[in-house]
PDB file of N, CA and C in Angstrom:
ATOM      1  N   MET A   1       0.886  -1.170  -0.026  1.00  0.00           N
ATOM      2  CA  MET A   1       0.025  -0.016  -0.033  1.00  0.00           C
ATOM      3  C   MET A   1       0.930   1.207   0.021  1.00  0.00           C
ATOM      4  N   GLU A   2       0.369   2.346  -0.336  1.00  0.00           N
ATOM      5  CA  GLU A   2       1.090   3.585  -0.387  1.00  0.00           C
ATOM      6  C   GLU A   2       0.221   4.803  -0.249  1.00  0.00           C
ATOM      7  N   PHE A   3       0.873   5.899   0.155  1.00  0.00           N
ATOM      8  CA  PHE A   3       0.181   7.230   0.218  1.00  0.00           C
ATOM      9  C   PHE A   3       1.236   8.305  -0.056  1.00  0.00           C
ATOM     10  N   VAL A   4       0.683   9.518  -0.452  1.00  0.00           N
ATOM     11  CA  VAL A   4       1.632  10.607  -0.691  1.00  0.00           C
ATOM     12  C   VAL A   4       1.201  11.727   0.133  1.00  0.00           C
ATOM     13  N   GLY A   5       2.185  12.497   0.603  1.00  0.00           N
ATOM     14  CA  GLY A   5       1.952  13.649   1.514  1.00  0.00           C
ATOM     15  C   GLY A   5       3.238  14.344   1.870  1.00  0.00           C
ATOM     16  N   ILE A   6       3.074  15.355   2.791  1.00  0.00           N
ATOM     17  CA  ILE A   6       4.128  16.170   3.214  1.00  0.00           C
ATOM     18  C   ILE A   6       4.639  15.800   4.621  1.00  0.00           C
ATOM     19  N   ILE A   7       5.910  15.625   4.857  1.00  0.00           N
ATOM     20  CA  ILE A   7       6.410  15.352   6.212  1.00  0.00           C
ATOM     21  C   ILE A   7       6.171  16.500   7.056  1.00  0.00           C
ATOM     22  N   VAL A   8       5.518  16.275   8.195  1.00  0.00           N
ATOM     23  CA  VAL A   8       5.230  17.352   9.224  1.00  0.00           C
ATOM     24  C   VAL A   8       5.959  17.126  10.524  1.00  0.00           C
ATOM     25  N   ALA A   9       6.444  15.908  10.799  1.00  0.00           N
ATOM     26  CA  ALA A   9       7.170  15.576  11.968  1.00  0.00           C
ATOM     27  C   ALA A   9       8.073  14.478  11.794  1.00  0.00           C
ATOM     28  N   VAL A  10       9.241  14.440  12.484  1.00  0.00           N
ATOM     29  CA  VAL A  10      10.183  13.319  12.401  1.00  0.00           C
ATOM     30  C   VAL A  10      10.708  13.145  13.783  1.00  0.00           C
ATOM     31  N   SER A  11      10.624  11.923  14.388  1.00  0.00           N
ATOM     32  CA  SER A  11      11.145  11.636  15.733  1.00  0.00           C
ATOM     33  C   SER A  11      12.624  11.391  15.625  1.00  0.00           C
ATOM     34  N   ASN A  12      13.203  11.427  16.788  1.00  0.00           N
ATOM     35  CA  ASN A  12      14.612  11.054  16.872  1.00  0.00           C
ATOM     36  C   ASN A  12      14.765   9.562  16.715  1.00  0.00           C
ATOM     37  N   LEU A  13      15.951   9.100  16.339  1.00  0.00           N
ATOM     38  CA  LEU A  13      16.212   7.696  16.210  1.00  0.00           C
ATOM     39  C   LEU A  13      16.234   7.024  17.647  1.00  0.00           C
ATOM     40  N   GLU A  14      15.583   5.934  17.764  1.00  0.00           N
ATOM     41  CA  GLU A  14      15.548   5.196  19.046  1.00  0.00           C
ATOM     42  C   GLU A  14      16.237   3.892  18.774  1.00  0.00           C
ATOM     43  N   GLU A  15      17.136   3.489  19.695  1.00  0.00           N
ATOM     44  CA  GLU A  15      17.846   2.167  19.593  1.00  0.00           C
ATOM     45  C   GLU A  15      17.476   1.392  20.777  1.00  0.00           C
ATOM     46  N   LYS A  16      16.876   0.215  20.610  1.00  0.00           N
ATOM     47  CA  LYS A  16      16.472  -0.657  21.657  1.00  0.00           C
ATOM     48  C   LYS A  16      17.205  -1.971  21.579  1.00  0.00           C
ATOM     49  N   GLN A  17      17.492  -2.528  22.699  1.00  0.00           N
ATOM     50  CA  GLN A  17      18.191  -3.834  22.767  1.00  0.00           C
ATOM     51  C   GLN A  17      17.129  -4.909  22.359  1.00  0.00           C
ATOM     52  N   GLY A  18      17.429  -5.694  21.395  1.00  0.00           N
ATOM     53  CA  GLY A  18      16.497  -6.689  20.884  1.00  0.00           C
ATOM     54  C   GLY A  18      16.753  -8.059  21.562  1.00  0.00           C
ATOM     55  N   SER A  19      16.212  -9.083  20.997  1.00  0.00           N
ATOM     56  CA  SER A  19      16.352 -10.415  21.560  1.00  0.00           C
ATOM     57  C   SER A  19      17.738 -10.980  21.229  1.00  0.00           C
ATOM     58  N   THR A  20      18.166 -11.895  21.951  1.00  0.00           N
ATOM     59  CA  THR A  20      19.471 -12.508  21.786  1.00  0.00           C
ATOM     60  C   THR A  20      19.535 -13.322  20.501  1.00  0.00           C
ATOM     61  N   GLN A  21      20.518 -13.125  19.746  1.00  0.00           N
ATOM     62  CA  GLN A  21      20.699 -13.924  18.544  1.00  0.00           C
ATOM     63  C   GLN A  21      21.225 -15.343  18.887  1.00  0.00           C
ATOM     64  N   PRO A  22      21.200 -16.305  17.988  1.00  0.00           N
ATOM     65  CA  PRO A  22      21.703 -17.660  18.221  1.00  0.00           C
ATOM     66  C   PRO A  22      23.167 -17.687  18.702  1.00  0.00           C
ATOM     67  N   ASN A  23      24.007 -16.760  18.319  1.00  0.00           N
ATOM     68  CA  ASN A  23      25.382 -16.683  18.730  1.00  0.00           C
ATOM     69  C   ASN A  23      25.554 -15.963  20.065  1.00  0.00           C
ATOM     70  N   ASN A  24      24.499 -15.806  20.815  1.00  0.00           N
ATOM     71  CA  ASN A  24      24.512 -15.175  22.137  1.00  0.00           C
ATOM     72  C   ASN A  24      24.863 -13.672  22.082  1.00  0.00           C
ATOM     73  N   GLN A  25      24.667 -13.061  20.985  1.00  0.00           N
ATOM     74  CA  GLN A  25      24.810 -11.589  20.890  1.00  0.00           C
ATOM     75  C   GLN A  25      23.518 -10.944  20.782  1.00  0.00           C
ATOM     76  N   ALA A  26      23.306  -9.860  21.639  1.00  0.00           N
ATOM     77  CA  ALA A  26      22.068  -9.205  21.593  1.00  0.00           C
ATOM     78  C   ALA A  26      22.040  -8.237  20.385  1.00  0.00           C
ATOM     79  N   SER A  27      20.880  -8.127  19.744  1.00  0.00           N
ATOM     80  CA  SER A  27      20.766  -7.283  18.552  1.00  0.00           C
ATOM     81  C   SER A  27      20.275  -5.935  19.033  1.00  0.00           C
ATOM     82  N   ILE A  28      20.573  -4.856  18.273  1.00  0.00           N
ATOM     83  CA  ILE A  28      20.126  -3.555  18.492  1.00  0.00           C
ATOM     84  C   ILE A  28      19.155  -3.245  17.392  1.00  0.00           C
ATOM     85  N   GLN A  29      17.913  -2.842  17.792  1.00  0.00           N
ATOM     86  CA  GLN A  29      16.913  -2.550  16.817  1.00  0.00           C
ATOM     87  C   GLN A  29      16.736  -1.001  16.791  1.00  0.00           C
ATOM     88  N   CYS A  30      16.623  -0.367  15.580  1.00  0.00           N
ATOM     89  CA  CYS A  30      16.489   1.060  15.386  1.00  0.00           C
ATOM     90  C   CYS A  30      15.034   1.314  14.991  1.00  0.00           C
ATOM     91  N   TYR A  31      14.438   2.416  15.550  1.00  0.00           N
ATOM     92  CA  TYR A  31      13.076   2.861  15.254  1.00  0.00           C
ATOM     93  C   TYR A  31      13.099   4.335  15.026  1.00  0.00           C
ATOM     94  N   ARG A  32      12.259   4.831  14.135  1.00  0.00           N
ATOM     95  CA  ARG A  32      11.918   6.243  14.006  1.00  0.00           C
ATOM     96  C   ARG A  32      10.537   6.372  13.508  1.00  0.00           C
ATOM     97  N   ASP A  33       9.785   7.337  14.012  1.00  0.00           N
ATOM     98  CA  ASP A  33       8.476   7.667  13.536  1.00  0.00           C
ATOM     99  C   ASP A  33       8.500   8.872  12.717  1.00  0.00           C
ATOM    100  N   ILE A  34       7.666   8.943  11.639  1.00  0.00           N
ATOM    101  CA  ILE A  34       7.422  10.158  10.890  1.00  0.00           C
ATOM    102  C   ILE A  34       5.941  10.359  10.742  1.00  0.00           C
ATOM    103  N   VAL A  35       5.553  11.603  10.653  1.00  0.00           N
ATOM    104  CA  VAL A  35       4.113  11.946  10.462  1.00  0.00           C
ATOM    105  C   VAL A  35       4.074  12.613   9.149  1.00  0.00           C
ATOM    106  N   VAL A  36       3.151  12.114   8.247  1.00  0.00           N
ATOM    107  CA  VAL A  36       2.992  12.648   6.925  1.00  0.00           C
ATOM    108  C   VAL A  36       1.501  13.093   6.799  1.00  0.00           C
ATOM    109  N   GLN A  37       1.376  14.343   6.310  1.00  0.00           N
ATOM    110  CA  GLN A  37      -0.026  14.834   6.084  1.00  0.00           C
ATOM    111  C   GLN A  37      -0.418  14.697   4.679  1.00  0.00           C
ATOM    112  N   THR A  38      -1.474  13.939   4.391  1.00  0.00           N
ATOM    113  CA  THR A  38      -1.921  13.738   3.095  1.00  0.00           C
ATOM    114  C   THR A  38      -2.474  15.113   2.471  1.00  0.00           C
ATOM    115  N   GLN A  39      -2.552  15.121   1.181  1.00  0.00           N
ATOM    116  CA  GLN A  39      -2.993  16.388   0.516  1.00  0.00           C
ATOM    117  C   GLN A  39      -4.351  16.159  -0.144  1.00  0.00           C
ATOM    118  N   GLU A  40      -5.321  15.668   0.505  1.00  0.00           N
ATOM    119  CA  GLU A  40      -6.642  15.477   0.020  1.00  0.00           C
ATOM    120  C   GLU A  40      -7.534  16.670   0.363  1.00  0.00           C
ATOM    121  N   GLY A  41      -8.761  16.585  -0.009  1.00  0.00           N
ATOM    122  CA  GLY A  41      -9.694  17.627   0.352  1.00  0.00           C
ATOM    123  C   GLY A  41      -9.812  17.756   1.839  1.00  0.00           C
ATOM    124  N   PHE A  42      -9.738  16.614   2.604  1.00  0.00           N
ATOM    125  CA  PHE A  42      -9.691  16.625   4.037  1.00  0.00           C
ATOM    126  C   PHE A  42      -8.473  15.949   4.472  1.00  0.00           C
ATOM    127  N   PRO A  43      -7.314  16.740   4.603  1.00  0.00           N
ATOM    128  CA  PRO A  43      -5.986  16.100   4.929  1.00  0.00           C
ATOM    129  C   PRO A  43      -6.049  15.352   6.251  1.00  0.00           C
ATOM    130  N   LYS A  44      -5.233  14.270   6.187  1.00  0.00           N
ATOM    131  CA  LYS A  44      -5.082  13.361   7.379  1.00  0.00           C
ATOM    132  C   LYS A  44      -3.589  13.217   7.746  1.00  0.00           C
ATOM    133  N   GLY A  45      -3.324  13.169   8.988  1.00  0.00           N
ATOM    134  CA  GLY A  45      -1.953  12.881   9.450  1.00  0.00           C
ATOM    135  C   GLY A  45      -1.772  11.470   9.639  1.00  0.00           C
ATOM    136  N   ILE A  46      -0.785  10.851   9.063  1.00  0.00           N
ATOM    137  CA  ILE A  46      -0.507   9.427   9.281  1.00  0.00           C
ATOM    138  C   ILE A  46       0.880   9.252   9.845  1.00  0.00           C
ATOM    139  N   CYS A  47       0.949   8.561  10.904  1.00  0.00           N
ATOM    140  CA  CYS A  47       2.217   8.228  11.566  1.00  0.00           C
ATOM    141  C   CYS A  47       2.679   6.885  11.041  1.00  0.00           C
ATOM    142  N   ALA A  48       3.863   6.893  10.519  1.00  0.00           N
ATOM    143  CA  ALA A  48       4.511   5.665   9.978  1.00  0.00           C
ATOM    144  C   ALA A  48       5.763   5.428  10.707  1.00  0.00           C
ATOM    145  N   THR A  49       5.996   4.135  11.045  1.00  0.00           N
ATOM    146  CA  THR A  49       7.189   3.751  11.868  1.00  0.00           C
ATOM    147  C   THR A  49       8.186   3.079  10.834  1.00  0.00           C
ATOM    148  N   LEU A  50       9.417   3.586  10.959  1.00  0.00           N
ATOM    149  CA  LEU A  50      10.554   3.095  10.190  1.00  0.00           C
ATOM    150  C   LEU A  50      11.342   2.177  11.120  1.00  0.00           C
ATOM    151  N   LYS A  51      11.847   1.085  10.604  1.00  0.00           N
ATOM    152  CA  LYS A  51      12.708   0.116  11.458  1.00  0.00           C
ATOM    153  C   LYS A  51      13.958  -0.258  10.714  1.00  0.00           C
ATOM    154  N   GLY A  52      14.998  -0.513  11.454  1.00  0.00           N
ATOM    155  CA  GLY A  52      16.183  -0.981  10.873  1.00  0.00           C
ATOM    156  C   GLY A  52      17.018   0.093  10.073  1.00  0.00           C
ATOM    157  N   ASP A  53      17.590  -0.371   8.980  1.00  0.00           N
ATOM    158  CA  ASP A  53      18.505   0.536   8.246  1.00  0.00           C
ATOM    159  C   ASP A  53      17.715   1.786   7.657  1.00  0.00           C
ATOM    160  N   ILE A  54      16.467   1.611   7.289  1.00  0.00           N
ATOM    161  CA  ILE A  54      15.678   2.682   6.720  1.00  0.00           C
ATOM    162  C   ILE A  54      15.501   3.795   7.791  1.00  0.00           C
ATOM    163  N   ALA A  55      15.340   3.386   9.141  1.00  0.00           N
ATOM    164  CA  ALA A  55      15.179   4.314  10.198  1.00  0.00           C
ATOM    165  C   ALA A  55      16.587   5.033  10.404  1.00  0.00           C
ATOM    166  N   ARG A  56      17.632   4.306  10.375  1.00  0.00           N
ATOM    167  CA  ARG A  56      18.952   4.814  10.633  1.00  0.00           C
ATOM    168  C   ARG A  56      19.428   5.775   9.565  1.00  0.00           C
ATOM    169  N   ASP A  57      19.079   5.448   8.249  1.00  0.00           N
ATOM    170  CA  ASP A  57      19.566   6.258   7.104  1.00  0.00           C
ATOM    171  C   ASP A  57      18.582   7.353   6.790  1.00  0.00           C
ATOM    172  N   PHE A  58      17.413   7.529   7.382  1.00  0.00           N
ATOM    173  CA  PHE A  58      16.475   8.480   6.979  1.00  0.00           C
ATOM    174  C   PHE A  58      16.979   9.890   7.209  1.00  0.00           C
ATOM    175  N   ASN A  59      16.905  10.765   6.245  1.00  0.00           N
ATOM    176  CA  ASN A  59      17.388  12.063   6.353  1.00  0.00           C
ATOM    177  C   ASN A  59      16.653  13.145   5.593  1.00  0.00           C
ATOM    178  N   LEU A  60      15.309  12.905   5.301  1.00  0.00           N
ATOM    179  CA  LEU A  60      14.499  13.909   4.642  1.00  0.00           C
ATOM    180  C   LEU A  60      13.930  14.962   5.678  1.00  0.00           C
ATOM    181  N   PRO A  61      14.026  16.225   5.340  1.00  0.00           N
ATOM    182  CA  PRO A  61      13.522  17.174   6.338  1.00  0.00           C
ATOM    183  C   PRO A  61      12.011  17.399   6.331  1.00  0.00           C
ATOM    184  N   LYS A  62      11.482  18.047   7.292  1.00  0.00           N
ATOM    185  CA  LYS A  62      10.079  18.352   7.382  1.00  0.00           C
ATOM    186  C   LYS A  62       9.798  19.267   6.171  1.00  0.00           C
ATOM    187  N   GLY A  63       8.633  19.152   5.638  1.00  0.00           N
ATOM    188  CA  GLY A  63       8.245  19.919   4.485  1.00  0.00           C
ATOM    189  C   GLY A  63       8.488  19.228   3.113  1.00  0.00           C
ATOM    190  N   THR A  64       9.133  18.033   3.126  1.00  0.00           N
ATOM    191  CA  THR A  64       9.427  17.302   1.887  1.00  0.00           C
ATOM    192  C   THR A  64       8.216  16.489   1.492  1.00  0.00           C
ATOM    193  N   LYS A  65       7.848  16.580   0.243  1.00  0.00           N
ATOM    194  CA  LYS A  65       6.766  15.778  -0.271  1.00  0.00           C
ATOM    195  C   LYS A  65       7.277  14.324  -0.586  1.00  0.00           C
ATOM    196  N   VAL A  66       6.621  13.345  -0.034  1.00  0.00           N
ATOM    197  CA  VAL A  66       7.031  11.994  -0.132  1.00  0.00           C
ATOM    198  C   VAL A  66       5.903  11.005  -0.534  1.00  0.00           C
ATOM    199  N   ARG A  67       6.391   9.869  -1.066  1.00  0.00           N
ATOM    200  CA  ARG A  67       5.498   8.714  -1.256  1.00  0.00           C
ATOM    201  C   ARG A  67       5.968   7.642  -0.282  1.00  0.00           C
ATOM    202  N   VAL A  68       5.060   7.187   0.507  1.00  0.00           N
ATOM    203  CA  VAL A  68       5.322   6.257   1.604  1.00  0.00           C
ATOM    204  C   VAL A  68       4.691   4.861   1.203  1.00  0.00           C
ATOM    205  N   PHE A  69       5.581   3.858   1.157  1.00  0.00           N
ATOM    206  CA  PHE A  69       5.095   2.509   0.841  1.00  0.00           C
ATOM    207  C   PHE A  69       5.069   1.813   2.243  1.00  0.00           C
ATOM    208  N   PHE A  70       3.942   1.235   2.575  1.00  0.00           N
ATOM    209  CA  PHE A  70       3.774   0.735   3.930  1.00  0.00           C
ATOM    210  C   PHE A  70       2.952  -0.575   3.933  1.00  0.00           C
ATOM    211  N   GLU A  71       3.002  -1.164   5.142  1.00  0.00           N
ATOM    212  CA  GLU A  71       2.284  -2.353   5.416  1.00  0.00           C
ATOM    213  C   GLU A  71       1.587  -2.171   6.732  1.00  0.00           C
ATOM    214  N   PRO A  72       0.291  -2.219   6.723  1.00  0.00           N
ATOM    215  CA  PRO A  72      -0.489  -2.125   8.048  1.00  0.00           C
ATOM    216  C   PRO A  72      -0.320  -3.406   8.873  1.00  0.00           C
ATOM    217  N   ARG A  73      -0.129  -3.285  10.202  1.00  0.00           N
ATOM    218  CA  ARG A  73       0.002  -4.448  11.012  1.00  0.00           C
ATOM    219  C   ARG A  73      -0.860  -4.281  12.273  1.00  0.00           C
ATOM    220  N   ALA A  74      -1.451  -5.344  12.610  1.00  0.00           N
ATOM    221  CA  ALA A  74      -2.335  -5.411  13.876  1.00  0.00           C
ATOM    222  C   ALA A  74      -1.672  -6.084  15.017  1.00  0.00           C
ATOM    223  N   TYR A  75      -1.726  -5.520  16.122  1.00  0.00           N
ATOM    224  CA  TYR A  75      -1.126  -6.091  17.399  1.00  0.00           C
ATOM    225  C   TYR A  75      -2.143  -6.152  18.453  1.00  0.00           C
ATOM    226  N   GLN A  76      -2.015  -7.144  19.254  1.00  0.00           N
ATOM    227  CA  GLN A  76      -2.843  -7.219  20.472  1.00  0.00           C
ATOM    228  C   GLN A  76      -2.041  -6.932  21.741  1.00  0.00           C
ATOM    229  N   SER A  77      -2.454  -6.016  22.544  1.00  0.00           N
ATOM    230  CA  SER A  77      -1.799  -5.683  23.810  1.00  0.00           C
ATOM    231  C   SER A  77      -1.768  -6.851  24.777  1.00  0.00           C
ATOM    232  N   LYS A  78      -0.590  -7.263  25.261  1.00  0.00           N
ATOM    233  CA  LYS A  78      -0.635  -8.286  26.244  1.00  0.00           C
ATOM    234  C   LYS A  78      -1.301  -7.932  27.590  1.00  0.00           C
ATOM    235  N   ALA A  79      -1.140  -6.600  27.850  1.00  0.00           N
ATOM    236  CA  ALA A  79      -1.695  -6.115  29.164  1.00  0.00           C
ATOM    237  C   ALA A  79      -3.120  -5.992  29.170  1.00  0.00           C
ATOM    238  N   SER A  80      -3.782  -5.393  28.180  1.00  0.00           N
ATOM    239  CA  SER A  80      -5.147  -5.168  28.125  1.00  0.00           C
ATOM    240  C   SER A  80      -6.032  -6.049  27.217  1.00  0.00           C
ATOM    241  N   GLY A  81      -5.282  -6.712  26.331  1.00  0.00           N
ATOM    242  CA  GLY A  81      -6.020  -7.566  25.326  1.00  0.00           C
ATOM    243  C   GLY A  81      -6.632  -6.804  24.190  1.00  0.00           C
ATOM    244  N   LYS A  82      -6.442  -5.476  24.170  1.00  0.00           N
ATOM    245  CA  LYS A  82      -7.041  -4.671  23.094  1.00  0.00           C
ATOM    246  C   LYS A  82      -6.161  -4.725  21.840  1.00  0.00           C
ATOM    247  N   TRP A  83      -6.798  -4.542  20.708  1.00  0.00           N
ATOM    248  CA  TRP A  83      -6.058  -4.578  19.433  1.00  0.00           C
ATOM    249  C   TRP A  83      -5.823  -3.133  18.914  1.00  0.00           C
ATOM    250  N   PHE A  84      -4.689  -2.998  18.225  1.00  0.00           N
ATOM    251  CA  PHE A  84      -4.382  -1.689  17.613  1.00  0.00           C
ATOM    252  C   PHE A  84      -3.627  -1.925  16.360  1.00  0.00           C
ATOM    253  N   THR A  85      -3.603  -0.916  15.419  1.00  0.00           N
ATOM    254  CA  THR A  85      -2.980  -1.033  14.115  1.00  0.00           C
ATOM    255  C   THR A  85      -1.823  -0.050  14.013  1.00  0.00           C
ATOM    256  N   SER A  86      -0.754  -0.531  13.408  1.00  0.00           N
ATOM    257  CA  SER A  86       0.397   0.437  13.168  1.00  0.00           C
ATOM    258  C   SER A  86       0.774   0.439  11.674  1.00  0.00           C
ATOM    259  N   CYS A  87       1.466   1.385  11.264  1.00  0.00           N
ATOM    260  CA  CYS A  87       1.748   1.584   9.905  1.00  0.00           C
ATOM    261  C   CYS A  87       3.273   1.388   9.756  1.00  0.00           C
ATOM    262  N   HIS A  88       3.751   0.325   9.208  1.00  0.00           N
ATOM    263  CA  HIS A  88       5.175  -0.024   9.083  1.00  0.00           C
ATOM    264  C   HIS A  88       5.640   0.377   7.722  1.00  0.00           C
ATOM    265  N   ALA A  89       6.471   1.481   7.591  1.00  0.00           N
ATOM    266  CA  ALA A  89       6.868   2.002   6.269  1.00  0.00           C
ATOM    267  C   ALA A  89       8.179   1.194   5.901  1.00  0.00           C
ATOM    268  N   TRP A  90       8.149   0.674   4.777  1.00  0.00           N
ATOM    269  CA  TRP A  90       9.346  -0.109   4.296  1.00  0.00           C
ATOM    270  C   TRP A  90      10.086   0.563   3.157  1.00  0.00           C
ATOM    271  N   ARG A  91       9.544   1.698   2.687  1.00  0.00           N
ATOM    272  CA  ARG A  91      10.246   2.513   1.673  1.00  0.00           C
ATOM    273  C   ARG A  91       9.543   3.917   1.688  1.00  0.00           C
ATOM    274  N   ILE A  92      10.462   4.923   1.565  1.00  0.00           N
ATOM    275  CA  ILE A  92       9.982   6.345   1.402  1.00  0.00           C
ATOM    276  C   ILE A  92      10.769   6.985   0.371  1.00  0.00           C
ATOM    277  N   ASP A  93      10.051   7.573  -0.642  1.00  0.00           N
ATOM    278  CA  ASP A  93      10.742   8.293  -1.751  1.00  0.00           C
ATOM    279  C   ASP A  93      10.299   9.732  -1.755  1.00  0.00           C
ATOM    280  N   ALA A  94      11.276  10.639  -1.942  1.00  0.00           N
ATOM    281  CA  ALA A  94      10.915  12.016  -2.133  1.00  0.00           C
ATOM    282  C   ALA A  94      10.255  12.198  -3.503  1.00  0.00           C
ATOM    283  N   CYS A  95       9.197  13.046  -3.537  1.00  0.00           N
ATOM    284  CA  CYS A  95       8.495  13.193  -4.869  1.00  0.00           C
ATOM    285  C   CYS A  95       9.068  14.448  -5.559  1.00  0.00           C
TER     286      CYS A  95
END
């Protein structure tokens, strides 16, 4: 899936300790959120999460028009049992 819009916010890069790899080394996972506002008659802000190398290498400034390729994902909270959806961006191109 994809959408086009203008970047309105970019979070700082977060690095979190991941699960232990088979060779007993812990992995470090990188995350970054961006908010893109669509350019429809009724604009919508969509928060997309970047993970891994795409999060680490992301360098587009606010105000840039982009095309975001993403995959929606549903998760269930272990604490409350409620479901929520996230937007995992796997590619972002400047337009």
